[in-house]
C-alpha atoms as a PDB file:
ATOM      1  CA  MET A   1      -4.137   1.799  -8.008  1.00  0.00           C
ATOM      2  CA  VAL A   2      -1.896   1.550 -11.112  1.00  0.00           C
ATOM      3  CA  ILE A   3       0.487  -1.359 -11.130  1.00  0.00           C
ATOM      4  CA  ASP A   4       3.890  -0.320 -12.673  1.00  0.00           C
ATOM      5  CA  VAL A   5       4.876  -2.395 -15.620  1.00  0.00           C
ATOM      6  CA  LEU A   6       8.389  -2.414 -15.217  1.00  0.00           C
ATOM      7  CA  LYS A   7       8.614  -3.222 -11.736  1.00  0.00           C
ATOM      8  CA  LEU A   8       6.138  -6.040 -12.455  1.00  0.00           C
ATOM      9  CA  ASP A   9       8.508  -7.523 -15.371  1.00  0.00           C
ATOM     10  CA  GLU A  10      11.282  -7.490 -13.403  1.00  0.00           C
ATOM     11  CA  LEU A  11       9.979  -8.979 -10.676  1.00  0.00           C
ATOM     12  CA  ALA A  12       8.681 -11.807 -13.109  1.00  0.00           C
ATOM     13  CA  ARG A  13      12.101 -12.151 -14.484  1.00  0.00           C
ATOM     14  CA  ARG A  14      13.661 -12.441 -11.165  1.00  0.00           C
ATOM     15  CA  LEU A  15      11.399 -15.209 -10.715  1.00  0.00           C
ATOM     16  CA  THR A  16      11.921 -16.968 -13.993  1.00  0.00           C
ATOM     17  CA  SER A  17      15.757 -16.326 -13.275  1.00  0.00           C
ATOM     18  CA  MET A  18      15.629 -18.988 -10.350  1.00  0.00           C
ATOM     19  CA  ILE A  19      14.078 -21.546 -12.494  1.00  0.00           C
ATOM     20  CA  PRO A  20      16.043 -24.727 -12.664  1.00  0.00           C
ATOM     21  CA  GLU A  21      18.154 -25.224 -15.921  1.00  0.00           C
ATOM     22  CA  ASP A  22      16.072 -28.352 -16.939  1.00  0.00           C
ATOM     23  CA  LEU A  23      13.363 -26.506 -17.611  1.00  0.00           C
ATOM     24  CA  GLN A  24      14.719 -23.092 -19.417  1.00  0.00           C
ATOM     25  CA  GLY A  25      12.723 -24.387 -22.318  1.00  0.00           C
ATOM     26  CA  ALA A  26       9.753 -23.268 -20.676  1.00  0.00           C
ATOM     27  CA  ARG A  27      10.933 -20.359 -19.376  1.00  0.00           C
ATOM     28  CA  GLU A  28       9.238 -17.677 -21.685  1.00  0.00           C
ATOM     29  CA  ASP A  29       5.657 -19.232 -20.686  1.00  0.00           C
ATOM     30  CA  ILE A  30       6.680 -19.313 -16.950  1.00  0.00           C
ATOM     31  CA  ALA A  31       7.415 -15.976 -17.150  1.00  0.00           C
ATOM     32  CA  LYS A  32       4.490 -14.700 -19.255  1.00  0.00           C
ATOM     33  CA  ASN A  33       2.331 -16.879 -16.561  1.00  0.00           C
ATOM     34  CA  PHE A  34       4.676 -15.016 -13.342  1.00  0.00           C
ATOM     35  CA  ARG A  35       3.322 -11.539 -14.703  1.00  0.00           C
ATOM     36  CA  SER A  36      -0.164 -12.406 -15.180  1.00  0.00           C
ATOM     37  CA  VAL A  37      -0.673 -14.202 -11.375  1.00  0.00           C
ATOM     38  CA  LEU A  38       1.439 -11.044 -10.150  1.00  0.00           C
ATOM     39  CA  GLN A  39      -0.720  -8.618 -11.763  1.00  0.00           C
ATOM     40  CA  SER A  40      -4.342 -10.357 -10.718  1.00  0.00           C
ATOM     41  CA  SER A  41      -2.827 -10.789  -7.146  1.00  0.00           C
ATOM     42  CA  LEU A  42      -1.620  -7.379  -6.439  1.00  0.00           C
ATOM     43  CA  GLN A  43      -4.983  -5.833  -8.204  1.00  0.00           C
ATOM     44  CA  ARG A  44      -7.009  -8.148  -5.631  1.00  0.00           C
ATOM     45  CA  LEU A  45      -5.178  -6.614  -2.934  1.00  0.00           C
ATOM     46  CA  GLU A  46      -6.868  -3.134  -2.941  1.00  0.00           C
ATOM     47  CA  LEU A  47      -3.673  -1.046  -2.584  1.00  0.00           C
ATOM     48  CA  VAL A  48      -3.209   2.444  -2.305  1.00  0.00           C
ATOM     49  CA  THR A  49      -0.603   4.885  -3.774  1.00  0.00           C
ATOM     50  CA  ARG A  50       1.986   6.500  -1.617  1.00  0.00           C
ATOM     51  CA  GLU A  51       0.313   9.898  -2.920  1.00  0.00           C
ATOM     52  CA  GLU A  52      -3.518   8.537  -1.211  1.00  0.00           C
ATOM     53  CA  PHE A  53      -1.452   7.494   1.788  1.00  0.00           C
ATOM     54  CA  GLU A  54       0.298  10.731   2.661  1.00  0.00           C
ATOM     55  CA  VAL A  55      -3.113  12.501   2.139  1.00  0.00           C
ATOM     56  CA  GLN A  56      -5.109  10.216   4.682  1.00  0.00           C
ATOM     57  CA  ARG A  57      -2.313  10.394   7.037  1.00  0.00           C
ATOM     58  CA  GLU A  58      -2.352  14.744   6.641  1.00  0.00           C
ATOM     59  CA  ILE A  59      -5.582  14.443   6.988  1.00  0.00           C
ATOM     60  CA  LEU A  60      -5.631  12.107  10.343  1.00  0.00           C
ATOM     61  CA  ARG A  61      -3.029  14.436  12.029  1.00  0.00           C
ATOM     62  CA  ARG A  62      -5.315  17.356  11.837  1.00  0.00           C
ATOM     63  CA  THR A  63      -7.885  15.473  12.907  1.00  0.00           C
ATOM     64  CA  ARG A  64      -6.094  13.994  16.224  1.00  0.00           C
ATOM     65  CA  SER A  65      -5.118  18.190  16.593  1.00  0.00           C
ATOM     66  CA  LYS A  66      -8.510  19.143  16.719  1.00  0.00           C
ATOM     67  CA  LEU A  67      -9.318  16.517  18.496  1.00  0.00           C
ATOM     68  CA  GLU A  68      -6.710  17.077  21.825  1.00  0.00           C
ATOM     69  CA  ALA A  69      -7.838  20.827  21.041  1.00  0.00           C
ATOM     70  CA  LEU A  70     -11.432  19.764  22.016  1.00  0.00           C
ATOM     71  CA  GLU A  71     -10.474  17.488  24.758  1.00  0.00           C
ATOM     72  CA  GLN A  72      -8.837  20.515  25.949  1.00  0.00           C
ATOM     73  CA  GLN A  73     -11.660  22.770  25.565  1.00  0.00           C
ATOM     74  CA  ILE A  74     -13.936  20.483  27.716  1.00  0.00           C
ATOM     75  CA  ALA A  75     -11.271  19.656  30.464  1.00  0.00           C
ATOM     76  CA  GLU A  76     -11.365  23.617  30.813  1.00  0.00           C
ATOM     77  CA  MET A  77     -15.290  24.069  31.115  1.00  0.00           C
ATOM     78  CA  GLU A  78     -15.343  21.140  33.141  1.00  0.00           C
ATOM     79  CA  GLY A  79     -12.908  22.629  35.682  1.00  0.00           C
ATOM     80  CA  GLN A  80     -15.135  25.780  35.430  1.00  0.00           C
ATOM     81  CA  ALA A  81     -18.403  24.029  36.369  1.00  0.00           C
ATOM     82  CA  ASP A  82     -16.332  22.132  39.459  1.00  0.00           C
ATOM     83  CA  ARG A  83     -15.822  25.667  40.702  1.00  0.00           C
END
């Protein structure tokens, strides 16, 4: 998965803006640390893109549909065998 650097920077800026006034001198170093920690943490999560998710969802939908059709066929065959 590719991490959107702009969104990562925006999140780091938001976190940096919460730093108390007395630590403003270290703000740039803290912002860099936020970015690197966020990036490494997100990479370890094994996230998928929205596109990958949608593809898998469509595959699952088709599989369920086929399974329901097969279950119906089995039920009909069992009904015929009972006669």
